[in-house]
Amino acid sequence: MNLLSGDAWKDSELFSDEEKAVIRWADEVTNQRAKENDAAFWEMRKHFNDRQIVELTFLCGMWNLSARITEPLHLMVEPPGKRIAFQEKDM
């Protein structure tokens, strides 16, 4: 079962309260609801300082930007089960 595809993560004992706060925050940022969700923000404040919240928010934004570019262009950043293949430089 994929715990992150729905709301099952909320009741799962596999995630700590800190991890649940991050999952919730990432979902709110991704779906552009974070500004209105004070509860999600204050839950983050219980576990993280300002810098950490900014860094986590920035990271969510960067992954969302990546998805918004790669998805419509049908690009696969990293094939399942494989690492990104980088070109070798000529020596």
PDB file of N, CA and C in Angstrom:
ATOM      1  N   MET A   1       0.846  -1.180   0.000  1.00  0.00           N
ATOM      2  CA  MET A   1       0.000   0.000   0.000  1.00  0.00           C
ATOM      3  C   MET A   1       0.892   1.244   0.000  1.00  0.00           C
ATOM      4  N   ASN A   2       0.569   2.205  -0.826  1.00  0.00           N
ATOM      5  CA  ASN A   2       1.297   3.462  -0.887  1.00  0.00           C
ATOM      6  C   ASN A   2       0.659   4.440   0.097  1.00  0.00           C
ATOM      7  N   LEU A   3       1.312   4.649   1.219  1.00  0.00           N
ATOM      8  CA  LEU A   3       0.752   5.505   2.268  1.00  0.00           C
ATOM      9  C   LEU A   3       0.701   6.970   1.885  1.00  0.00           C
ATOM     10  N   LEU A   4       1.474   7.380   0.888  1.00  0.00           N
ATOM     11  CA  LEU A   4       1.529   8.790   0.535  1.00  0.00           C
ATOM     12  C   LEU A   4       0.571   9.171  -0.583  1.00  0.00           C
ATOM     13  N   SER A   5      -0.138   8.211  -1.153  1.00  0.00           N
ATOM     14  CA  SER A   5      -1.043   8.534  -2.262  1.00  0.00           C
ATOM     15  C   SER A   5      -2.399   9.050  -1.793  1.00  0.00           C
ATOM     16  N   GLY A   6      -2.687   8.944  -0.545  1.00  0.00           N
ATOM     17  CA  GLY A   6      -3.957   9.432   0.000  1.00  0.00           C
ATOM     18  C   GLY A   6      -3.711  10.015   1.384  1.00  0.00           C
ATOM     19  N   ASP A   7      -4.626   9.761   2.292  1.00  0.00           N
ATOM     20  CA  ASP A   7      -4.499  10.273   3.658  1.00  0.00           C
ATOM     21  C   ASP A   7      -4.112   9.203   4.671  1.00  0.00           C
ATOM     22  N   ALA A   8      -3.766   8.003   4.212  1.00  0.00           N
ATOM     23  CA  ALA A   8      -3.448   6.904   5.125  1.00  0.00           C
ATOM     24  C   ALA A   8      -2.251   7.218   6.016  1.00  0.00           C
ATOM     25  N   TRP A   9      -1.358   8.075   5.542  1.00  0.00           N
ATOM     26  CA  TRP A   9      -0.177   8.439   6.325  1.00  0.00           C
ATOM     27  C   TRP A   9      -0.538   9.101   7.645  1.00  0.00           C
ATOM     28  N   LYS A  10      -1.681   9.775   7.688  1.00  0.00           N
ATOM     29  CA  LYS A  10      -2.084  10.513   8.889  1.00  0.00           C
ATOM     30  C   LYS A  10      -2.249   9.599  10.103  1.00  0.00           C
ATOM     31  N   ASP A  11      -2.732   8.376   9.874  1.00  0.00           N
ATOM     32  CA  ASP A  11      -2.982   7.436  10.963  1.00  0.00           C
ATOM     33  C   ASP A  11      -1.904   6.367  11.091  1.00  0.00           C
ATOM     34  N   SER A  12      -0.915   6.408  10.208  1.00  0.00           N
ATOM     35  CA  SER A  12       0.130   5.397  10.210  1.00  0.00           C
ATOM     36  C   SER A  12       1.107   5.603  11.363  1.00  0.00           C
ATOM     37  N   GLU A  13       1.495   4.512  11.975  1.00  0.00           N
ATOM     38  CA  GLU A  13       2.504   4.554  13.026  1.00  0.00           C
ATOM     39  C   GLU A  13       3.915   4.487  12.434  1.00  0.00           C
ATOM     40  N   LEU A  14       4.010   4.390  11.112  1.00  0.00           N
ATOM     41  CA  LEU A  14       5.311   4.334  10.444  1.00  0.00           C
ATOM     42  C   LEU A  14       5.997   5.696  10.399  1.00  0.00           C
ATOM     43  N   PHE A  15       5.217   6.774  10.580  1.00  0.00           N
ATOM     44  CA  PHE A  15       5.762   8.128  10.528  1.00  0.00           C
ATOM     45  C   PHE A  15       5.682   8.779  11.895  1.00  0.00           C
ATOM     46  N   SER A  16       6.734   9.483  12.252  1.00  0.00           N
ATOM     47  CA  SER A  16       6.744  10.246  13.507  1.00  0.00           C
ATOM     48  C   SER A  16       5.873  11.491  13.338  1.00  0.00           C
ATOM     49  N   ASP A  17       5.607  12.177  14.431  1.00  0.00           N
ATOM     50  CA  ASP A  17       4.842  13.431  14.347  1.00  0.00           C
ATOM     51  C   ASP A  17       5.580  14.457  13.496  1.00  0.00           C
ATOM     52  N   GLU A  18       6.900  14.476  13.604  1.00  0.00           N
ATOM     53  CA  GLU A  18       7.714  15.393  12.804  1.00  0.00           C
ATOM     54  C   GLU A  18       7.575  15.071  11.312  1.00  0.00           C
ATOM     55  N   GLU A  19       7.656  13.798  10.970  1.00  0.00           N
ATOM     56  CA  GLU A  19       7.522  13.395   9.567  1.00  0.00           C
ATOM     57  C   GLU A  19       6.116  13.693   9.041  1.00  0.00           C
ATOM     58  N   LYS A  20       5.104  13.492   9.863  1.00  0.00           N
ATOM     59  CA  LYS A  20       3.737  13.800   9.449  1.00  0.00           C
ATOM     60  C   LYS A  20       3.561  15.300   9.206  1.00  0.00           C
ATOM     61  N   ALA A  21       4.207  16.117  10.026  1.00  0.00           N
ATOM     62  CA  ALA A  21       4.137  17.566   9.819  1.00  0.00           C
ATOM     63  C   ALA A  21       4.744  17.936   8.471  1.00  0.00           C
ATOM     64  N   VAL A  22       5.863  17.313   8.118  1.00  0.00           N
ATOM     65  CA  VAL A  22       6.518  17.594   6.837  1.00  0.00           C
ATOM     66  C   VAL A  22       5.668  17.113   5.666  1.00  0.00           C
ATOM     67  N   ILE A  23       5.097  15.926   5.775  1.00  0.00           N
ATOM     68  CA  ILE A  23       4.237  15.403   4.696  1.00  0.00           C
ATOM     69  C   ILE A  23       3.052  16.331   4.489  1.00  0.00           C
ATOM     70  N   ARG A  24       2.431  16.740   5.588  1.00  0.00           N
ATOM     71  CA  ARG A  24       1.283  17.654   5.494  1.00  0.00           C
ATOM     72  C   ARG A  24       1.701  18.982   4.869  1.00  0.00           C
ATOM     73  N   TRP A  25       2.833  19.522   5.301  1.00  0.00           N
ATOM     74  CA  TRP A  25       3.312  20.798   4.779  1.00  0.00           C
ATOM     75  C   TRP A  25       3.608  20.674   3.287  1.00  0.00           C
ATOM     76  N   ALA A  26       4.282  19.602   2.901  1.00  0.00           N
ATOM     77  CA  ALA A  26       4.601  19.392   1.475  1.00  0.00           C
ATOM     78  C   ALA A  26       3.321  19.314   0.648  1.00  0.00           C
ATOM     79  N   ASP A  27       2.315  18.672   1.167  1.00  0.00           N
ATOM     80  CA  ASP A  27       1.027  18.575   0.463  1.00  0.00           C
ATOM     81  C   ASP A  27       0.365  19.949   0.346  1.00  0.00           C
ATOM     82  N   GLU A  28       0.411  20.718   1.424  1.00  0.00           N
ATOM     83  CA  GLU A  28      -0.187  22.053   1.403  1.00  0.00           C
ATOM     84  C   GLU A  28       0.556  22.976   0.438  1.00  0.00           C
ATOM     85  N   VAL A  29       1.886  22.928   0.454  1.00  0.00           N
ATOM     86  CA  VAL A  29       2.686  23.757  -0.451  1.00  0.00           C
ATOM     87  C   VAL A  29       2.424  23.338  -1.898  1.00  0.00           C
ATOM     88  N   THR A  30       2.439  22.047  -2.157  1.00  0.00           N
ATOM     89  CA  THR A  30       2.239  21.530  -3.512  1.00  0.00           C
ATOM     90  C   THR A  30       0.890  21.933  -4.073  1.00  0.00           C
ATOM     91  N   ASN A  31      -0.124  21.912  -3.242  1.00  0.00           N
ATOM     92  CA  ASN A  31      -1.484  22.226  -3.692  1.00  0.00           C
ATOM     93  C   ASN A  31      -1.863  23.688  -3.449  1.00  0.00           C
ATOM     94  N   GLN A  32      -0.870  24.494  -3.136  1.00  0.00           N
ATOM     95  CA  GLN A  32      -1.020  25.943  -2.950  1.00  0.00           C
ATOM     96  C   GLN A  32      -2.100  26.305  -1.936  1.00  0.00           C
ATOM     97  N   ARG A  33      -2.082  25.577  -0.804  1.00  0.00           N
ATOM     98  CA  ARG A  33      -3.024  25.848   0.284  1.00  0.00           C
ATOM     99  C   ARG A  33      -2.301  26.266   1.560  1.00  0.00           C
ATOM    100  N   ALA A  34      -0.971  26.284   1.535  1.00  0.00           N
ATOM    101  CA  ALA A  34      -0.194  26.541   2.749  1.00  0.00           C
ATOM    102  C   ALA A  34      -0.491  27.916   3.357  1.00  0.00           C
ATOM    103  N   LYS A  35      -0.711  28.900   2.527  1.00  0.00           N
ATOM    104  CA  LYS A  35      -0.959  30.263   3.011  1.00  0.00           C
ATOM    105  C   LYS A  35      -2.186  30.323   3.923  1.00  0.00           C
ATOM    106  N   GLU A  36      -3.199  29.545   3.601  1.00  0.00           N
ATOM    107  CA  GLU A  36      -4.444  29.571   4.379  1.00  0.00           C
ATOM    108  C   GLU A  36      -4.470  28.552   5.515  1.00  0.00           C
ATOM    109  N   ASN A  37      -3.468  27.650   5.575  1.00  0.00           N
ATOM    110  CA  ASN A  37      -3.516  26.577   6.567  1.00  0.00           C
ATOM    111  C   ASN A  37      -2.592  26.885   7.747  1.00  0.00           C
ATOM    112  N   ASP A  38      -3.113  27.667   8.679  1.00  0.00           N
ATOM    113  CA  ASP A  38      -2.333  28.021   9.864  1.00  0.00           C
ATOM    114  C   ASP A  38      -1.996  26.797  10.706  1.00  0.00           C
ATOM    115  N   ALA A  39      -2.890  25.829  10.771  1.00  0.00           N
ATOM    116  CA  ALA A  39      -2.641  24.629  11.575  1.00  0.00           C
ATOM    117  C   ALA A  39      -1.422  23.869  11.061  1.00  0.00           C
ATOM    118  N   ALA A  40      -1.303  23.741   9.749  1.00  0.00           N
ATOM    119  CA  ALA A  40      -0.143  23.052   9.171  1.00  0.00           C
ATOM    120  C   ALA A  40       1.137  23.818   9.477  1.00  0.00           C
ATOM    121  N   PHE A  41       1.077  25.138   9.391  1.00  0.00           N
ATOM    122  CA  PHE A  41       2.254  25.954   9.691  1.00  0.00           C
ATOM    123  C   PHE A  41       2.668  25.810  11.153  1.00  0.00           C
ATOM    124  N   TRP A  42       1.714  25.891  12.066  1.00  0.00           N
ATOM    125  CA  TRP A  42       2.055  25.812  13.486  1.00  0.00           C
ATOM    126  C   TRP A  42       2.517  24.419  13.873  1.00  0.00           C
ATOM    127  N   GLU A  43       2.056  23.420  13.160  1.00  0.00           N
ATOM    128  CA  GLU A  43       2.560  22.063  13.395  1.00  0.00           C
ATOM    129  C   GLU A  43       4.036  21.992  12.980  1.00  0.00           C
ATOM    130  N   MET A  44       4.382  22.643  11.897  1.00  0.00           N
ATOM    131  CA  MET A  44       5.783  22.713  11.481  1.00  0.00           C
ATOM    132  C   MET A  44       6.620  23.443  12.536  1.00  0.00           C
ATOM    133  N   ARG A  45       6.068  24.519  13.091  1.00  0.00           N
ATOM    134  CA  ARG A  45       6.785  25.317  14.106  1.00  0.00           C
ATOM    135  C   ARG A  45       7.104  24.501  15.361  1.00  0.00           C
ATOM    136  N   LYS A  46       6.310  23.471  15.635  1.00  0.00           N
ATOM    137  CA  LYS A  46       6.588  22.618  16.796  1.00  0.00           C
ATOM    138  C   LYS A  46       7.891  21.848  16.621  1.00  0.00           C
ATOM    139  N   HIS A  47       8.247  21.576  15.376  1.00  0.00           N
ATOM    140  CA  HIS A  47       9.371  20.687  15.097  1.00  0.00           C
ATOM    141  C   HIS A  47      10.581  21.362  14.450  1.00  0.00           C
ATOM    142  N   PHE A  48      10.357  22.521  13.814  1.00  0.00           N
ATOM    143  CA  PHE A  48      11.412  23.135  13.012  1.00  0.00           C
ATOM    144  C   PHE A  48      11.529  24.629  13.294  1.00  0.00           C
ATOM    145  N   ASN A  49      12.739  25.157  13.112  1.00  0.00           N
ATOM    146  CA  ASN A  49      12.931  26.597  13.253  1.00  0.00           C
ATOM    147  C   ASN A  49      12.627  27.283  11.915  1.00  0.00           C
ATOM    148  N   ASP A  50      12.699  28.616  11.902  1.00  0.00           N
ATOM    149  CA  ASP A  50      12.357  29.374  10.689  1.00  0.00           C
ATOM    150  C   ASP A  50      13.184  28.944   9.482  1.00  0.00           C
ATOM    151  N   ARG A  51      14.476  28.826   9.686  1.00  0.00           N
ATOM    152  CA  ARG A  51      15.356  28.452   8.570  1.00  0.00           C
ATOM    153  C   ARG A  51      14.972  27.085   7.997  1.00  0.00           C
ATOM    154  N   GLN A  52      14.709  26.124   8.860  1.00  0.00           N
ATOM    155  CA  GLN A  52      14.344  24.783   8.402  1.00  0.00           C
ATOM    156  C   GLN A  52      13.022  24.795   7.636  1.00  0.00           C
ATOM    157  N   ILE A  53      12.069  25.589   8.113  1.00  0.00           N
ATOM    158  CA  ILE A  53      10.781  25.687   7.413  1.00  0.00           C
ATOM    159  C   ILE A  53      10.976  26.310   6.036  1.00  0.00           C
ATOM    160  N   VAL A  54      11.787  27.349   5.964  1.00  0.00           N
ATOM    161  CA  VAL A  54      12.069  27.979   4.667  1.00  0.00           C
ATOM    162  C   VAL A  54      12.743  26.969   3.742  1.00  0.00           C
ATOM    163  N   GLU A  55      13.733  26.243   4.240  1.00  0.00           N
ATOM    164  CA  GLU A  55      14.444  25.274   3.411  1.00  0.00           C
ATOM    165  C   GLU A  55      13.519  24.161   2.923  1.00  0.00           C
ATOM    166  N   LEU A  56      12.660  23.645   3.807  1.00  0.00           N
ATOM    167  CA  LEU A  56      11.706  22.606   3.404  1.00  0.00           C
ATOM    168  C   LEU A  56      10.703  23.137   2.379  1.00  0.00           C
ATOM    169  N   THR A  57      10.256  24.367   2.575  1.00  0.00           N
ATOM    170  CA  THR A  57       9.316  24.985   1.643  1.00  0.00           C
ATOM    171  C   THR A  57       9.979  25.202   0.291  1.00  0.00           C
ATOM    172  N   PHE A  58      11.223  25.668   0.295  1.00  0.00           N
ATOM    173  CA  PHE A  58      11.975  25.879  -0.943  1.00  0.00           C
ATOM    174  C   PHE A  58      12.166  24.544  -1.672  1.00  0.00           C
ATOM    175  N   LEU A  59      12.517  23.512  -0.934  1.00  0.00           N
ATOM    176  CA  LEU A  59      12.702  22.188  -1.534  1.00  0.00           C
ATOM    177  C   LEU A  59      11.417  21.691  -2.188  1.00  0.00           C
ATOM    178  N   CYS A  60      10.294  21.871  -1.509  1.00  0.00           N
ATOM    179  CA  CYS A  60       8.991  21.492  -2.092  1.00  0.00           C
ATOM    180  C   CYS A  60       8.745  22.273  -3.382  1.00  0.00           C
ATOM    181  N   GLY A  61       9.024  23.566  -3.339  1.00  0.00           N
ATOM    182  CA  GLY A  61       8.830  24.396  -4.520  1.00  0.00           C
ATOM    183  C   GLY A  61       9.695  23.966  -5.687  1.00  0.00           C
ATOM    184  N   MET A  62      10.943  23.609  -5.406  1.00  0.00           N
ATOM    185  CA  MET A  62      11.850  23.184  -6.474  1.00  0.00           C
ATOM    186  C   MET A  62      11.402  21.860  -7.092  1.00  0.00           C
ATOM    187  N   TRP A  63      10.948  20.918  -6.271  1.00  0.00           N
ATOM    188  CA  TRP A  63      10.452  19.643  -6.820  1.00  0.00           C
ATOM    189  C   TRP A  63       9.186  19.881  -7.637  1.00  0.00           C
ATOM    190  N   ASN A  64       8.342  20.789  -7.175  1.00  0.00           N
ATOM    191  CA  ASN A  64       7.137  21.101  -7.939  1.00  0.00           C
ATOM    192  C   ASN A  64       7.487  21.759  -9.267  1.00  0.00           C
ATOM    193  N   LEU A  65       8.467  22.649  -9.262  1.00  0.00           N
ATOM    194  CA  LEU A  65       8.918  23.272 -10.504  1.00  0.00           C
ATOM    195  C   LEU A  65       9.439  22.205 -11.461  1.00  0.00           C
ATOM    196  N   SER A  66      10.242  21.306 -10.946  1.00  0.00           N
ATOM    197  CA  SER A  66      10.781  20.225 -11.771  1.00  0.00           C
ATOM    198  C   SER A  66       9.656  19.409 -12.400  1.00  0.00           C
ATOM    199  N   ALA A  67       8.655  19.063 -11.611  1.00  0.00           N
ATOM    200  CA  ALA A  67       7.535  18.280 -12.128  1.00  0.00           C
ATOM    201  C   ALA A  67       6.732  19.055 -13.163  1.00  0.00           C
ATOM    202  N   ARG A  68       6.599  20.350 -12.968  1.00  0.00           N
ATOM    203  CA  ARG A  68       5.831  21.167 -13.909  1.00  0.00           C
ATOM    204  C   ARG A  68       6.549  21.354 -15.249  1.00  0.00           C
ATOM    205  N   ILE A  69       7.838  21.090 -15.257  1.00  0.00           N
ATOM    206  CA  ILE A  69       8.595  21.148 -16.511  1.00  0.00           C
ATOM    207  C   ILE A  69       8.693  19.766 -17.151  1.00  0.00           C
ATOM    208  N   THR A  70       9.043  18.769 -16.358  1.00  0.00           N
ATOM    209  CA  THR A  70       9.271  17.435 -16.920  1.00  0.00           C
ATOM    210  C   THR A  70       7.994  16.741 -17.357  1.00  0.00           C
ATOM    211  N   GLU A  71       6.909  16.904 -16.624  1.00  0.00           N
ATOM    212  CA  GLU A  71       5.664  16.194 -16.950  1.00  0.00           C
ATOM    213  C   GLU A  71       5.111  16.579 -18.315  1.00  0.00           C
ATOM    214  N   PRO A  72       4.921  17.859 -18.628  1.00  0.00           N
ATOM    215  CA  PRO A  72       4.346  18.181 -19.936  1.00  0.00           C
ATOM    216  C   PRO A  72       5.282  17.864 -21.102  1.00  0.00           C
ATOM    217  N   LEU A  73       6.588  17.806 -20.823  1.00  0.00           N
ATOM    218  CA  LEU A  73       7.549  17.496 -21.885  1.00  0.00           C
ATOM    219  C   LEU A  73       7.849  15.999 -21.976  1.00  0.00           C
ATOM    220  N   HIS A  74       7.145  15.217 -21.151  1.00  0.00           N
ATOM    221  CA  HIS A  74       7.303  13.759 -21.144  1.00  0.00           C
ATOM    222  C   HIS A  74       8.744  13.345 -20.860  1.00  0.00           C
ATOM    223  N   LEU A  75       9.382  14.049 -19.950  1.00  0.00           N
ATOM    224  CA  LEU A  75      10.761  13.739 -19.575  1.00  0.00           C
ATOM    225  C   LEU A  75      10.774  12.886 -18.314  1.00  0.00           C
ATOM    226  N   MET A  76      11.682  11.943 -18.274  1.00  0.00           N
ATOM    227  CA  MET A  76      11.847  11.130 -17.082  1.00  0.00           C
ATOM    228  C   MET A  76      13.198  11.492 -16.483  1.00  0.00           C
ATOM    229  N   VAL A  77      13.169  12.140 -15.331  1.00  0.00           N
ATOM    230  CA  VAL A  77      14.405  12.608 -14.706  1.00  0.00           C
ATOM    231  C   VAL A  77      15.268  11.433 -14.287  1.00  0.00           C
ATOM    232  N   GLU A  78      14.678  10.480 -13.637  1.00  0.00           N
ATOM    233  CA  GLU A  78      15.415   9.297 -13.195  1.00  0.00           C
ATOM    234  C   GLU A  78      14.545   8.073 -13.427  1.00  0.00           C
ATOM    235  N   PRO A  79      14.941   7.213 -14.367  1.00  0.00           N
ATOM    236  CA  PRO A  79      14.140   6.027 -14.652  1.00  0.00           C
ATOM    237  C   PRO A  79      13.978   5.167 -13.400  1.00  0.00           C
ATOM    238  N   PRO A  80      12.819   4.541 -13.215  1.00  0.00           N
ATOM    239  CA  PRO A  80      12.608   3.694 -12.036  1.00  0.00           C
ATOM    240  C   PRO A  80      13.692   2.625 -11.913  1.00  0.00           C
ATOM    241  N   GLY A  81      14.268   2.523 -10.739  1.00  0.00           N
ATOM    242  CA  GLY A  81      15.285   1.521 -10.484  1.00  0.00           C
ATOM    243  C   GLY A  81      16.665   1.844 -11.029  1.00  0.00           C
ATOM    244  N   LYS A  82      16.822   3.009 -11.632  1.00  0.00           N
ATOM    245  CA  LYS A  82      18.111   3.381 -12.199  1.00  0.00           C
ATOM    246  C   LYS A  82      18.500   4.772 -11.718  1.00  0.00           C
ATOM    247  N   ARG A  83      19.773   5.035 -11.745  1.00  0.00           N
ATOM    248  CA  ARG A  83      20.253   6.368 -11.420  1.00  0.00           C
ATOM    249  C   ARG A  83      20.304   7.203 -12.686  1.00  0.00           C
ATOM    250  N   ILE A  84      20.414   8.494 -12.527  1.00  0.00           N
ATOM    251  CA  ILE A  84      20.541   9.385 -13.671  1.00  0.00           C
ATOM    252  C   ILE A  84      21.877   9.098 -14.363  1.00  0.00           C
ATOM    253  N   ALA A  85      21.838   8.941 -15.669  1.00  0.00           N
ATOM    254  CA  ALA A  85      23.056   8.683 -16.428  1.00  0.00           C
ATOM    255  C   ALA A  85      23.669  10.013 -16.851  1.00  0.00           C
ATOM    256  N   PHE A  86      24.824  10.322 -16.314  1.00  0.00           N
ATOM    257  CA  PHE A  86      25.515  11.549 -16.671  1.00  0.00           C
ATOM    258  C   PHE A  86      26.515  11.259 -17.781  1.00  0.00           C
ATOM    259  N   GLN A  87      26.696  12.209 -18.639  1.00  0.00           N
ATOM    260  CA  GLN A  87      27.666  12.036 -19.717  1.00  0.00           C
ATOM    261  C   GLN A  87      29.062  12.125 -19.138  1.00  0.00           C
ATOM    262  N   GLU A  88      29.950  11.269 -19.664  1.00  0.00           N
ATOM    263  CA  GLU A  88      31.337  11.338 -19.236  1.00  0.00           C
ATOM    264  C   GLU A  88      32.036  12.408 -20.048  1.00  0.00           C
ATOM    265  N   LYS A  89      32.851  13.173 -19.387  1.00  0.00           N
ATOM    266  CA  LYS A  89      33.611  14.212 -20.068  1.00  0.00           C
ATOM    267  C   LYS A  89      34.832  13.582 -20.733  1.00  0.00           C
ATOM    268  N   ASP A  90      35.160  14.095 -21.912  1.00  0.00           N
ATOM    269  CA  ASP A  90      36.376  13.630 -22.569  1.00  0.00           C
ATOM    270  C   ASP A  90      37.573  14.157 -21.806  1.00  0.00           C
ATOM    271  N   MET A  91      38.534  13.315 -21.650  1.00  0.00           N
ATOM    272  CA  MET A  91      39.732  13.733 -20.930  1.00  0.00           C
ATOM    273  C   MET A  91      40.806  14.146 -21.874  1.00  0.00           C
TER     274      MET A  91
END
